[in-house]
Amino acid sequence: MCWSILLFFYFFIFAFGVHFKGGTITWAPIDPYDNRTSINITITQSYLWTLTHVQCSNNVPTGTSSSSSANLICVADCLTDGGYSTAPINILTKCTWTSSSLDMMKSEASKQTTLSAGAHFYLAYKGGDWASLHDPPKPGLPWTILTYIDLRKRSDGLINTPPVAKFVSPQYAIVNRTVQINIPVSDVNAGDVVRCRWSTNTSTDECGGICYPNTVPYSTTLSNCTITFTGHKAGVLYAVAMQVEDFLNSTSNTPMSSVPVQMLIYVQPEPNCLIKPIISPLDRCLEVQVGDLISFNIFIMNLCTPTVTQIADFVVSGDVTGMSRSNLTTSPTDLSLSYVSFTWTPHINQIGSNQLCVLAFTSENLQSDTYCATFIVSNSSNRCLTTISTTITSTTTKTTTTSTTTTTTTTSTTTTTTTTTTTTTTTTTSTTTKTTTTSTTITTTTISMTTTTTSSTITSTTTSIVTTAFTSSTTSTSIISNVTPTTTTNAPGSSIPWPLILGLSLLALLLVTCCVVCCFYQLLWWRRDRKNTKNRSSNYDMYGNPNTDRSHMVGSQQEAFQTSSAESSKYGQVQATEL
């Protein structure tokens, strides 16, 4: 008997521990407005396994009834568990999808339970062992996946609904290359602030044997639910454990709930093509009506040469209940383009937000960024009045754009100004910088008043692209597709700046008067100076000697000349007599 028990536990640890790839546990109230003494909640378990070692069945992980007694257990604050310990939930889940190319299987189970109002406690799935982790290897590490349930009313009178994290495990990192692993999170409670932190093993064990930083490289960091990771040796497996928590506002430090995220990171050799695939965002209306069938395709673009690598798999990391999808299909006209078709008929209990998250893998395990689309289910036929927002972050080294501004303005003297903008206005900056991050936000507003779920009418599109570099240069592009004439008319009796007009007129008159006086004075001075110069020059010959031409002398000058001549003659005669 003892040997049988030992063999069973050995089999369980080897078959299901070594091939356990992580998971999460979350919960939600059936009715957040419930004021009764007993509250119904749904507890959802989601786990990932190695497909070749764990059978896809309705009772994962064991596939048998031998482990039906294994339950989620209360590990802290059990005196206020609201009666959970008297009727615990078992760990058995149902296989929901598989991927043979990734050797991956996902299992889920959502089960309802009734607890006393005001219950709050910590619930965990404990097991072992993880696969051999880290370098040097650390085998046989146990796992603890823990969630915090709190049914006490919030300050706004509601029962809290915790955040949801969408992810797959393992994540793939290329050796000696830093990768940022973003964990998409969402919260249905408007205004709640969601934060992520490393799981700890202090007062309450949240992470078993994979608590940070025991099973990740020393340089690994976590910020805003994004893990920055660098693996320096190919073929090594690492494990991370973190908690996703929601807070009432940005200043609060007391979490209202805590949801675990535990997953593996595998460091692989450098592939032949390093360009990751791109998932094209949906361009359809994301508001749907209860009972209406919708269908859409999600396209994946392979940026590598198809002969080198192909799109190998398409993974739904966060699905929507009742949404079905086709297999991955390659376009017959373009081998670089693949797509998956989805169909869905939302039910009355799905009114509100329903998030779909997907990602794609190449044949070399190079994965795309996770793409999430949030569908809004309502009973109203007036749909598509919401905004679809997609954020894409990439790295670049050059930003080049064109600046064009065209405006036509017509102004009449009746103070009626008509301004008509008839062009697309683009304001950009041509800059070549050491730009490390380009953040692009594409916002598309789509308006449709049709009741058909398979088509929509787009009447206006607004796109804003913001690029930020280290040089603080900003490139802003705004495209307005609708032409809007604007007319502005001054009403009778509007204030006219007469003092300003009169002052400018007097200033102009003074300037003209000064110019006239200056010109007149210049003319008189020039004529007088010319006359004086002429008189002075007439008294001398070309050699500078006094001029003897009496025709140039007048008045006293002629008399003086005659006297001088007479004296000279007399003096000459005297000299002649002496001789």
Protein backbone atom coordinates (compact mmCIF):
# COMPACT_ATOMS: atom_id res chain seq x y z
CA MET A 1 0.00 0.00 0.00
CA CYS A 2 2.78 2.40 0.96
CA TRP A 3 4.64 1.56 -2.24
CA SER A 4 1.49 2.27 -4.24
CA ILE A 5 1.13 5.70 -2.66
CA LEU A 6 4.79 6.50 -3.30
CA LEU A 7 4.53 5.37 -6.91
CA PHE A 8 1.41 7.50 -7.40
CA PHE A 9 3.08 10.65 -6.08
CA TYR A 10 6.20 9.94 -8.14
CA PHE A 11 4.07 9.59 -11.24
CA PHE A 12 2.13 12.79 -10.45
CA ILE A 13 5.27 14.85 -9.87
CA PHE A 14 7.06 13.54 -12.95
CA ALA A 15 4.16 13.61 -15.37
CA PHE A 16 2.48 16.80 -14.27
CA GLY A 17 4.98 18.75 -12.21
CA VAL A 18 7.91 18.69 -14.63
CA HIS A 19 5.57 19.63 -17.45
CA PHE A 20 3.62 22.33 -15.68
CA LYS A 21 4.12 25.68 -17.46
CA GLY A 22 2.34 28.10 -15.15
CA GLY A 23 -1.07 29.65 -14.80
CA THR A 24 -3.39 32.02 -12.95
CA ILE A 25 -6.41 32.00 -10.63
CA THR A 26 -9.00 34.77 -10.65
CA TRP A 27 -12.54 35.33 -9.43
CA ALA A 28 -15.50 37.67 -9.93
CA PRO A 29 -18.86 38.31 -8.24
CA ILE A 30 -21.92 37.22 -10.21
CA ASP A 31 -23.62 40.49 -9.25
CA PRO A 32 -21.37 43.30 -7.94
CA TYR A 33 -24.50 45.11 -6.67
CA ASP A 34 -25.60 42.14 -4.54
CA ASN A 35 -26.67 43.25 -1.04
CA ARG A 36 -27.65 39.85 0.30
CA THR A 37 -25.93 38.08 3.16
CA SER A 38 -24.67 35.38 0.78
CA ILE A 39 -22.70 36.32 -2.33
CA ASN A 40 -22.29 34.13 -5.42
CA ILE A 41 -18.87 34.31 -7.08
CA THR A 42 -17.12 32.52 -9.95
CA ILE A 43 -13.58 31.20 -9.42
CA THR A 44 -11.64 30.63 -12.65
CA GLN A 45 -8.49 28.52 -12.91
CA SER A 46 -6.29 28.64 -16.02
CA TYR A 47 -3.16 26.49 -16.41
CA LEU A 48 -0.66 25.63 -19.18
CA TRP A 49 0.95 22.22 -19.76
CA THR A 50 3.32 20.35 -22.08
CA LEU A 51 1.04 18.69 -24.63
CA THR A 52 3.20 15.61 -25.21
CA HIS A 53 3.09 14.70 -21.50
CA VAL A 54 -0.36 15.84 -20.34
CA GLN A 55 -3.41 14.49 -22.11
CA CYS A 56 -6.00 16.93 -23.43
CA SER A 57 -9.10 15.82 -21.51
CA ASN A 58 -11.95 17.02 -19.34
CA ASN A 59 -10.01 16.34 -16.13
CA VAL A 60 -6.66 18.07 -16.40
CA PRO A 61 -4.11 17.56 -14.94
CA THR A 62 -4.73 13.92 -14.08
CA GLY A 63 -7.31 12.79 -16.59
CA THR A 64 -8.57 10.38 -13.94
CA SER A 65 -10.66 10.59 -10.83
CA SER A 66 -7.73 9.69 -8.58
CA SER A 67 -6.93 13.35 -7.91
CA SER A 68 -10.49 14.58 -7.65
CA SER A 69 -9.85 15.27 -3.97
CA ALA A 70 -7.07 17.81 -4.76
CA ASN A 71 -8.55 21.23 -4.04
CA LEU A 72 -7.76 24.91 -3.97
CA ILE A 73 -7.02 25.53 -0.31
CA CYS A 74 -7.33 28.50 2.02
CA VAL A 75 -3.84 29.46 3.25
CA ALA A 76 -4.43 32.71 5.20
CA ASP A 77 -7.33 34.59 6.89
CA CYS A 78 -9.28 31.34 6.86
CA LEU A 79 -11.48 32.44 9.80
CA THR A 80 -13.10 34.93 7.41
CA ASP A 81 -13.28 32.67 4.34
CA GLY A 82 -17.09 32.93 4.31
CA GLY A 83 -17.56 29.16 4.50
CA TYR A 84 -15.25 28.26 1.60
CA SER A 85 -13.36 25.58 3.56
CA THR A 86 -16.57 23.62 4.07
CA ALA A 87 -17.11 23.32 0.30
CA PRO A 88 -13.75 23.79 -1.48
CA ILE A 89 -13.26 23.77 -5.26
CA ASN A 90 -11.06 21.06 -6.82
CA ILE A 91 -8.17 21.74 -9.17
CA LEU A 92 -9.48 19.73 -12.13
CA THR A 93 -9.80 21.77 -15.31
CA LYS A 94 -10.88 21.17 -18.90
CA CYS A 95 -8.58 21.23 -21.93
CA THR A 96 -9.57 24.27 -24.01
CA TRP A 97 -6.94 24.38 -26.79
CA THR A 98 -3.71 22.81 -27.91
CA SER A 99 -0.76 23.70 -30.12
CA SER A 100 1.28 20.86 -31.55
CA SER A 101 3.93 23.18 -33.02
CA LEU A 102 4.51 24.78 -29.61
CA ASP A 103 3.88 21.52 -27.68
CA MET A 104 1.45 23.45 -25.51
CA MET A 105 -1.94 22.75 -23.95
CA LYS A 106 -4.20 25.08 -21.98
CA SER A 107 -6.85 24.02 -19.48
CA GLU A 108 -9.49 26.12 -17.75
CA ALA A 109 -12.38 25.75 -15.33
CA SER A 110 -14.89 28.30 -14.01
CA LYS A 111 -16.84 27.14 -10.98
CA GLN A 112 -19.38 28.95 -8.83
CA THR A 113 -19.48 29.01 -5.05
CA THR A 114 -21.49 30.89 -2.44
CA LEU A 115 -19.73 32.75 0.36
CA SER A 116 -20.84 34.96 3.21
CA ALA A 117 -20.95 38.69 2.53
CA GLY A 118 -17.78 40.40 3.71
CA ALA A 119 -15.59 37.30 3.32
CA HIS A 120 -11.89 37.90 2.66
CA PHE A 121 -9.14 35.26 2.49
CA TYR A 122 -6.20 33.87 0.48
CA LEU A 123 -6.78 30.90 -1.84
CA ALA A 124 -3.95 28.85 -3.38
CA TYR A 125 -3.08 25.95 -5.66
CA LYS A 126 -0.01 24.19 -4.23
CA GLY A 127 1.94 21.49 -6.04
CA GLY A 128 5.29 20.36 -7.35
CA ASP A 129 7.59 20.19 -9.03
CA TRP A 130 8.60 22.73 -11.64
CA ALA A 131 10.93 21.62 -14.41
CA SER A 132 14.64 22.19 -13.85
CA LEU A 133 15.08 25.97 -13.81
CA HIS A 134 17.87 28.53 -14.03
CA ASP A 135 21.59 28.11 -14.69
CA PRO A 136 23.02 26.26 -12.84
CA PRO A 137 19.86 24.12 -12.75
CA LYS A 138 17.52 24.16 -9.75
CA PRO A 139 15.34 21.03 -9.96
CA GLY A 140 12.35 20.05 -7.86
CA LEU A 141 11.06 23.53 -6.96
CA PRO A 142 7.44 23.56 -5.67
CA TRP A 143 4.77 25.95 -6.90
CA THR A 144 2.21 28.08 -5.08
CA ILE A 145 -0.31 30.05 -7.13
CA LEU A 146 -2.21 32.37 -4.80
CA THR A 147 -5.15 34.75 -5.20
CA TYR A 148 -6.73 37.14 -2.70
CA ILE A 149 -10.56 37.21 -2.48
CA ASP A 150 -12.27 40.16 -0.76
CA LEU A 151 -16.08 40.47 -0.83
CA ARG A 152 -16.25 43.54 1.41
CA LYS A 153 -17.96 46.52 -0.21
CA ARG A 154 -15.80 49.15 -1.84
CA SER A 155 -16.18 52.83 -0.96
CA ASP A 156 -18.46 53.20 -3.99
CA GLY A 157 -20.80 50.51 -2.63
CA LEU A 158 -19.85 47.76 -5.11
CA ILE A 159 -18.31 44.35 -4.61
CA ASN A 160 -14.93 44.53 -6.28
CA THR A 161 -14.13 42.66 -9.50
CA PRO A 162 -10.38 41.88 -9.73
CA PRO A 163 -8.25 42.53 -12.82
CA VAL A 164 -7.63 39.90 -15.49
CA ALA A 165 -4.22 39.04 -16.98
CA LYS A 166 -3.83 37.53 -20.48
CA PHE A 167 -0.62 35.62 -21.20
CA VAL A 168 0.88 32.40 -22.54
CA SER A 169 3.71 30.28 -21.20
CA PRO A 170 6.46 29.82 -22.04
CA GLN A 171 7.61 33.14 -23.45
CA TYR A 172 10.56 32.93 -25.85
CA ALA A 173 13.68 35.08 -25.58
CA ILE A 174 16.66 35.11 -27.95
CA VAL A 175 20.03 34.50 -26.31
CA ASN A 176 22.00 37.67 -25.44
CA ARG A 177 19.14 39.92 -26.54
CA THR A 178 17.04 41.97 -24.15
CA VAL A 179 13.32 41.36 -24.54
CA GLN A 180 10.37 43.16 -22.97
CA ILE A 181 7.50 40.84 -22.08
CA ASN A 182 4.28 42.79 -21.64
CA ILE A 183 1.46 41.20 -19.61
CA PRO A 184 -1.88 42.58 -20.91
CA VAL A 185 -4.15 43.37 -17.96
CA SER A 186 -7.67 44.79 -17.79
CA ASP A 187 -10.16 45.82 -15.11
CA VAL A 188 -13.92 46.22 -15.56
CA ASN A 189 -14.20 48.72 -12.70
CA ALA A 190 -13.80 52.14 -14.28
CA GLY A 191 -11.19 54.27 -12.57
CA ASP A 192 -9.36 51.43 -10.84
CA VAL A 193 -5.56 51.54 -11.00
CA VAL A 194 -3.85 48.23 -11.89
CA ARG A 195 -0.29 47.54 -10.75
CA CYS A 196 2.05 44.55 -10.98
CA ARG A 197 4.69 43.44 -8.49
CA TRP A 198 6.89 40.42 -7.88
CA SER A 199 5.30 37.67 -5.79
CA THR A 200 6.84 37.20 -2.34
CA ASN A 201 7.15 34.53 0.33
CA THR A 202 7.00 36.56 3.52
CA SER A 203 3.87 36.49 5.69
CA THR A 204 2.00 34.58 2.97
CA ASP A 205 3.59 32.23 0.43
CA GLU A 206 2.68 33.58 -3.02
CA CYS A 207 5.29 31.88 -5.19
CA GLY A 208 6.62 28.60 -3.76
CA GLY A 209 10.14 27.97 -5.05
CA ILE A 210 10.20 30.56 -7.86
CA CYS A 211 10.14 33.79 -5.84
CA TYR A 212 12.09 36.71 -7.33
CA PRO A 213 15.05 36.80 -7.87
CA ASN A 214 15.79 33.10 -7.33
CA THR A 215 14.83 31.82 -10.79
CA VAL A 216 15.61 34.72 -13.17
CA PRO A 217 18.84 36.47 -14.25
CA TYR A 218 19.98 39.23 -11.88
CA SER A 219 19.22 41.97 -14.46
CA THR A 220 15.52 41.07 -14.76
CA THR A 221 13.15 43.93 -13.84
CA LEU A 222 9.39 44.49 -13.63
CA SER A 223 7.77 47.84 -14.39
CA ASN A 224 4.17 48.64 -15.35
CA CYS A 225 3.38 44.94 -15.87
CA THR A 226 6.29 44.62 -18.33
CA ILE A 227 9.20 42.26 -17.64
CA THR A 228 12.62 43.24 -19.01
CA PHE A 229 14.67 40.07 -19.45
CA THR A 230 18.05 39.07 -20.90
CA GLY A 231 19.16 35.43 -21.13
CA HIS A 232 22.85 34.74 -21.64
CA LYS A 233 22.75 31.00 -22.30
CA ALA A 234 20.60 29.20 -24.86
CA GLY A 235 18.52 26.22 -23.79
CA VAL A 236 17.90 27.48 -20.24
CA LEU A 237 14.42 27.70 -18.72
CA TYR A 238 13.48 30.42 -16.21
CA ALA A 239 10.30 31.02 -14.17
CA VAL A 240 8.67 34.26 -13.01
CA ALA A 241 5.93 34.84 -10.44
CA MET A 242 4.10 38.14 -10.12
CA GLN A 243 0.88 39.53 -8.63
CA VAL A 244 -1.56 41.77 -10.51
CA GLU A 245 -3.45 44.02 -8.08
CA ASP A 246 -6.11 46.72 -8.37
CA PHE A 247 -6.37 49.88 -6.29
CA LEU A 248 -9.24 52.32 -5.83
CA ASN A 249 -7.15 55.26 -7.08
CA SER A 250 -3.57 56.28 -7.84
CA THR A 251 -2.84 57.35 -4.25
CA SER A 252 -4.09 54.14 -2.62
CA ASN A 253 -1.57 51.56 -1.39
CA THR A 254 -4.11 48.96 -0.24
CA PRO A 255 -4.97 46.40 -2.94
CA MET A 256 -8.60 45.36 -3.28
CA SER A 257 -7.62 42.02 -4.83
CA SER A 258 -4.54 40.13 -5.99
CA VAL A 259 -4.30 37.85 -9.04
CA PRO A 260 -1.26 35.59 -9.70
CA VAL A 261 0.67 35.31 -12.96
CA GLN A 262 3.26 32.51 -13.14
CA MET A 263 5.00 31.52 -16.36
CA LEU A 264 8.19 30.23 -17.93
CA ILE A 265 10.73 32.03 -20.13
CA TYR A 266 12.80 29.90 -22.50
CA VAL A 267 16.10 31.22 -23.91
CA GLN A 268 16.54 29.97 -27.47
CA PRO A 269 19.39 30.25 -29.99
CA GLU A 270 19.36 33.13 -32.43
CA PRO A 271 16.95 32.35 -35.31
CA ASN A 272 17.71 32.85 -39.00
CA CYS A 273 15.27 35.77 -39.15
CA LEU A 274 15.00 38.23 -36.27
CA ILE A 275 11.96 40.17 -37.52
CA LYS A 276 8.90 39.26 -35.48
CA PRO A 277 5.49 38.90 -37.16
CA ILE A 278 2.87 41.65 -36.97
CA ILE A 279 -0.84 41.24 -36.19
CA SER A 280 -3.03 43.72 -38.05
CA PRO A 281 -5.53 45.53 -35.76
CA LEU A 282 -9.23 45.06 -36.47
CA ASP A 283 -10.82 47.86 -38.49
CA ARG A 284 -14.42 46.85 -37.77
CA CYS A 285 -16.92 48.10 -35.22
CA LEU A 286 -16.26 46.53 -31.81
CA GLU A 287 -19.72 47.23 -30.38
CA VAL A 288 -22.06 44.27 -30.83
CA GLN A 289 -25.65 43.57 -29.90
CA VAL A 290 -26.87 40.64 -27.85
CA GLY A 291 -27.99 37.81 -30.15
CA ASP A 292 -26.37 39.18 -33.33
CA LEU A 293 -23.90 36.93 -35.13
CA ILE A 294 -20.62 38.63 -36.01
CA SER A 295 -17.67 37.32 -37.98
CA PHE A 296 -14.23 38.78 -38.63
CA ASN A 297 -10.69 37.84 -39.64
CA ILE A 298 -7.44 38.60 -37.85
CA PHE A 299 -4.46 38.85 -40.22
CA ILE A 300 -0.81 38.10 -39.45
CA MET A 301 2.03 39.41 -41.62
CA ASN A 302 5.28 37.46 -41.86
CA LEU A 303 8.10 39.96 -42.45
CA CYS A 304 10.69 37.24 -42.99
CA THR A 305 11.29 35.44 -46.27
CA PRO A 306 8.71 32.60 -46.45
CA THR A 307 11.40 30.15 -47.53
CA VAL A 308 13.33 30.92 -44.32
CA THR A 309 10.52 30.96 -41.75
CA GLN A 310 6.72 30.81 -41.77
CA ILE A 311 3.85 31.69 -39.46
CA ALA A 312 3.54 28.42 -37.56
CA ASP A 313 0.91 29.07 -34.93
CA PHE A 314 -1.74 31.48 -33.73
CA VAL A 315 -2.41 31.47 -29.98
CA VAL A 316 -5.38 32.94 -28.12
CA SER A 317 -3.99 34.04 -24.77
CA GLY A 318 -7.31 35.47 -23.62
CA ASP A 319 -10.48 34.17 -25.25
CA VAL A 320 -14.13 35.23 -25.16
CA THR A 321 -16.74 32.70 -24.05
CA GLY A 322 -18.62 31.29 -27.03
CA MET A 323 -16.27 32.74 -29.66
CA SER A 324 -15.13 30.10 -32.16
CA ARG A 325 -12.24 30.31 -34.61
CA SER A 326 -10.87 28.52 -37.64
CA ASN A 327 -7.45 27.03 -38.14
CA LEU A 328 -4.55 29.21 -39.21
CA THR A 329 -4.78 29.73 -42.99
CA THR A 330 -2.12 31.04 -45.38
CA SER A 331 -3.32 33.37 -48.12
CA PRO A 332 -3.19 31.65 -51.54
CA THR A 333 -2.10 34.91 -53.21
CA ASP A 334 0.46 36.06 -50.62
CA LEU A 335 2.56 33.52 -48.74
CA SER A 336 3.58 36.20 -46.22
CA LEU A 337 -0.03 36.73 -45.13
CA SER A 338 -1.99 34.40 -42.84
CA TYR A 339 -5.33 34.77 -41.10
CA VAL A 340 -7.76 33.20 -38.64
CA SER A 341 -11.55 33.56 -38.94
CA PHE A 342 -13.72 34.19 -35.85
CA THR A 343 -17.48 33.95 -35.29
CA TRP A 344 -19.43 34.90 -32.18
CA THR A 345 -22.99 35.41 -30.98
CA PRO A 346 -22.91 37.29 -27.64
CA HIS A 347 -25.37 36.34 -24.90
CA ILE A 348 -27.23 38.47 -22.39
CA ASN A 349 -24.82 37.57 -19.60
CA GLN A 350 -21.92 38.99 -21.67
CA ILE A 351 -23.18 42.58 -21.64
CA GLY A 352 -20.19 44.83 -21.01
CA SER A 353 -16.54 44.43 -21.97
CA ASN A 354 -15.21 41.19 -23.48
CA GLN A 355 -11.50 41.13 -24.31
CA LEU A 356 -9.85 38.92 -26.92
CA CYS A 357 -6.04 38.66 -26.84
CA VAL A 358 -3.96 36.82 -29.46
CA LEU A 359 -0.36 36.43 -30.61
CA ALA A 360 1.44 34.62 -33.41
CA PHE A 361 4.59 32.47 -33.58
CA THR A 362 6.95 31.75 -36.45
CA SER A 363 8.42 28.33 -37.15
CA GLU A 364 11.52 29.51 -35.24
CA ASN A 365 9.43 30.39 -32.14
CA LEU A 366 9.74 34.13 -32.72
CA GLN A 367 6.56 35.62 -31.28
CA SER A 368 4.62 38.75 -32.17
CA ASP A 369 3.45 41.41 -29.75
CA THR A 370 0.20 40.49 -28.03
CA TYR A 371 -2.82 42.10 -29.69
CA CYS A 372 -6.01 42.64 -27.67
CA ALA A 373 -9.43 43.76 -28.92
CA THR A 374 -12.20 44.68 -26.47
CA PHE A 375 -15.76 44.03 -27.66
CA ILE A 376 -18.59 45.98 -26.02
CA VAL A 377 -21.83 43.99 -25.80
CA SER A 378 -25.10 45.89 -25.35
CA ASN A 379 -28.83 45.65 -26.03
CA SER A 380 -28.83 48.90 -28.00
CA SER A 381 -29.02 48.95 -31.79
CA ASN A 382 -27.08 52.24 -31.92
CA ARG A 383 -23.55 50.99 -31.95
CA CYS A 384 -20.03 51.97 -32.89
CA LEU A 385 -19.99 55.23 -30.97
CA THR A 386 -16.89 54.13 -29.12
CA THR A 387 -13.21 54.69 -29.71
CA ILE A 388 -10.85 51.91 -30.72
CA SER A 389 -7.34 52.54 -29.38
CA THR A 390 -4.24 50.59 -30.29
CA THR A 391 -0.75 51.28 -28.95
CA ILE A 392 2.29 49.97 -30.75
CA THR A 393 5.81 50.41 -29.39
CA SER A 394 8.86 49.83 -31.58
CA THR A 395 12.49 50.89 -31.93
CA THR A 396 13.86 53.05 -34.72
CA THR A 397 16.87 55.23 -35.52
CA LYS A 398 15.45 57.80 -37.92
CA THR A 399 12.38 59.98 -38.06
CA THR A 400 11.62 61.68 -41.37
CA THR A 401 8.37 63.48 -42.12
CA THR A 402 7.04 66.30 -44.30
CA SER A 403 5.46 69.58 -43.21
CA THR A 404 2.57 70.90 -45.30
CA THR A 405 0.01 73.49 -44.26
CA THR A 406 -2.60 74.85 -46.69
CA THR A 407 -5.34 77.30 -45.68
CA THR A 408 -7.59 79.41 -47.93
CA THR A 409 -8.93 82.63 -46.33
CA THR A 410 -11.30 85.23 -47.84
CA THR A 411 -11.86 88.54 -46.01
CA SER A 412 -14.27 91.37 -47.01
CA THR A 413 -14.37 95.01 -45.78
CA THR A 414 -17.71 94.40 -44.07
CA THR A 415 -15.75 92.69 -41.24
CA THR A 416 -17.09 89.33 -42.34
CA THR A 417 -14.27 86.78 -42.37
CA THR A 418 -14.80 83.43 -44.09
CA THR A 419 -12.21 80.71 -43.49
CA THR A 420 -12.50 77.42 -45.36
CA THR A 421 -10.02 74.61 -44.80
CA THR A 422 -10.07 72.30 -47.79
CA THR A 423 -6.91 70.30 -47.33
CA THR A 424 -5.30 67.72 -45.10
CA THR A 425 -3.14 69.57 -42.61
CA THR A 426 0.10 67.85 -41.64
CA THR A 427 2.62 69.39 -39.30
CA THR A 428 5.79 67.39 -38.90
CA THR A 429 9.48 67.77 -38.23
CA SER A 430 12.25 66.23 -40.31
CA THR A 431 14.74 64.97 -37.76
CA THR A 432 17.51 62.39 -37.76
CA THR A 433 18.31 61.57 -34.16
CA LYS A 434 19.32 58.75 -31.83
CA THR A 435 15.71 57.92 -31.30
CA THR A 436 15.34 54.96 -29.04
CA THR A 437 11.58 54.65 -28.82
CA THR A 438 8.80 55.46 -31.19
CA SER A 439 5.38 55.42 -29.57
CA THR A 440 2.47 55.42 -31.97
CA THR A 441 -1.12 55.83 -30.93
CA ILE A 442 -3.72 55.19 -33.59
CA THR A 443 -7.23 56.23 -32.65
CA THR A 444 -10.04 55.45 -35.04
CA THR A 445 -13.53 56.74 -34.43
CA THR A 446 -16.18 54.88 -36.34
CA ILE A 447 -19.86 55.85 -36.35
CA SER A 448 -22.58 53.61 -37.69
CA MET A 449 -26.35 53.69 -37.28
CA THR A 450 -26.97 50.41 -39.09
CA THR A 451 -28.42 47.37 -37.37
CA THR A 452 -26.39 44.91 -39.43
CA THR A 453 -23.54 43.40 -37.49
CA THR A 454 -21.46 42.44 -40.51
CA SER A 455 -20.96 45.92 -41.96
CA SER A 456 -20.45 49.49 -40.81
CA THR A 457 -20.37 52.97 -42.32
CA ILE A 458 -17.33 55.08 -41.52
CA THR A 459 -18.01 58.81 -41.59
CA SER A 460 -14.97 60.24 -39.89
CA THR A 461 -11.48 59.05 -39.18
CA THR A 462 -8.96 60.78 -36.96
CA THR A 463 -5.41 59.53 -36.71
CA SER A 464 -2.77 60.97 -34.39
CA ILE A 465 0.84 59.87 -34.51
CA VAL A 466 3.25 61.16 -31.89
CA THR A 467 6.96 60.43 -32.12
CA THR A 468 9.31 61.38 -29.29
CA ALA A 469 13.12 61.36 -29.56
CA PHE A 470 15.98 62.19 -27.18
CA THR A 471 16.25 65.58 -28.87
CA SER A 472 12.75 66.40 -27.63
CA SER A 473 11.64 66.94 -31.20
CA THR A 474 7.99 66.07 -31.73
CA THR A 475 6.33 64.95 -34.88
CA SER A 476 2.60 65.41 -34.87
CA THR A 477 0.39 64.43 -37.77
CA SER A 478 -3.29 65.14 -37.81
CA ILE A 479 -5.47 64.05 -40.74
CA ILE A 480 -9.00 65.40 -40.95
CA SER A 481 -11.01 63.78 -43.71
CA ASN A 482 -14.20 65.80 -43.42
CA VAL A 483 -14.24 69.38 -44.87
CA THR A 484 -15.90 71.92 -42.57
CA PRO A 485 -16.45 75.52 -43.79
CA THR A 486 -16.45 78.07 -40.98
CA THR A 487 -17.86 81.62 -41.28
CA THR A 488 -17.38 84.33 -38.67
CA THR A 489 -19.24 87.68 -38.92
CA ASN A 490 -18.77 90.73 -36.68
CA ALA A 491 -22.14 91.98 -35.41
CA PRO A 492 -23.17 95.65 -36.13
CA GLY A 493 -21.75 98.05 -33.60
CA SER A 494 -18.74 95.87 -32.92
CA SER A 495 -15.82 97.80 -31.50
CA ILE A 496 -13.44 99.24 -34.18
CA PRO A 497 -9.99 100.40 -32.99
CA TRP A 498 -10.35 104.09 -34.07
CA PRO A 499 -7.60 105.38 -31.68
CA LEU A 500 -5.13 102.96 -33.21
CA ILE A 501 -6.07 103.98 -36.76
CA LEU A 502 -5.83 107.75 -35.93
CA GLY A 503 -2.47 107.32 -34.19
CA LEU A 504 -1.00 105.43 -37.15
CA SER A 505 -2.27 108.16 -39.54
CA LEU A 506 -0.67 110.99 -37.50
CA LEU A 507 2.58 109.06 -37.33
CA ALA A 508 2.62 108.65 -41.11
CA LEU A 509 1.87 112.38 -41.65
CA LEU A 510 4.72 113.39 -39.33
CA LEU A 511 7.09 111.08 -41.17
CA VAL A 512 6.18 112.61 -44.57
CA THR A 513 6.61 116.19 -43.23
CA CYS A 514 10.07 115.40 -41.90
CA CYS A 515 11.09 113.94 -45.23
CA VAL A 516 9.92 117.08 -47.14
CA VAL A 517 11.76 119.49 -44.77
CA CYS A 518 14.94 117.46 -45.00
CA CYS A 519 14.84 117.43 -48.80
CA PHE A 520 14.22 121.24 -49.00
CA TYR A 521 17.10 122.00 -46.61
CA GLN A 522 19.42 119.71 -48.53
CA LEU A 523 18.61 121.50 -51.80
CA LEU A 524 19.36 125.01 -50.38
CA TRP A 525 22.62 123.88 -48.77
CA TRP A 526 23.80 122.26 -51.98
CA ARG A 527 23.20 125.40 -54.14
CA ARG A 528 24.97 127.72 -51.66
CA ASP A 529 27.97 125.46 -51.37
CA ARG A 530 28.27 125.20 -55.15
CA LYS A 531 28.32 129.02 -55.55
CA ASN A 532 31.05 129.50 -52.93
CA THR A 533 33.17 126.83 -54.53
CA LYS A 534 32.88 128.52 -57.93
CA ASN A 535 33.94 131.93 -56.60
CA ARG A 536 37.01 130.53 -54.87
CA SER A 537 38.17 128.63 -57.92
CA SER A 538 37.96 131.70 -60.25
CA ASN A 539 40.81 133.60 -58.40
CA TYR A 540 43.53 131.12 -59.43
CA ASP A 541 44.77 129.64 -62.63
CA MET A 542 45.36 125.98 -63.24
CA TYR A 543 48.82 126.19 -61.58
CA GLY A 544 47.54 127.80 -58.37
CA ASN A 545 48.79 131.35 -59.36
CA PRO A 546 46.59 134.42 -59.05
CA ASN A 547 44.54 134.83 -62.17
CA THR A 548 45.58 138.04 -64.28
CA ASP A 549 42.62 137.84 -66.55
CA ARG A 550 40.69 140.95 -65.66
CA SER A 551 37.60 139.55 -67.16
CA HIS A 552 37.41 137.36 -64.08
CA MET A 553 37.74 140.33 -61.70
CA VAL A 554 35.14 142.77 -60.67
CA GLY A 555 35.04 145.98 -58.64
CA SER A 556 37.91 146.55 -56.23
CA GLN A 557 39.78 143.54 -57.64
CA GLN A 558 40.20 145.29 -61.03
CA GLU A 559 41.31 148.56 -59.39
CA ALA A 560 43.91 146.76 -57.31
CA PHE A 561 45.19 145.03 -60.37
CA GLN A 562 45.48 148.30 -62.33
CA THR A 563 47.42 149.97 -59.48
CA SER A 564 49.79 147.04 -59.25
CA SER A 565 50.37 147.13 -63.00
CA ALA A 566 51.15 150.88 -63.00
CA GLU A 567 53.64 150.48 -60.22
CA SER A 568 55.29 147.65 -62.06
CA SER A 569 55.63 149.78 -65.23
CA LYS A 570 57.05 152.67 -63.29
CA TYR A 571 59.56 150.41 -61.62
CA GLY A 572 60.57 149.07 -65.02
CA GLN A 573 61.17 152.50 -66.41
CA VAL A 574 63.42 153.44 -63.49
CA GLN A 575 65.50 150.37 -64.06
CA ALA A 576 65.86 151.22 -67.73
CA THR A 577 67.02 154.78 -66.98
CA GLU A 578 69.68 153.53 -64.61
CA LEU A 579 70.98 151.28 -67.25
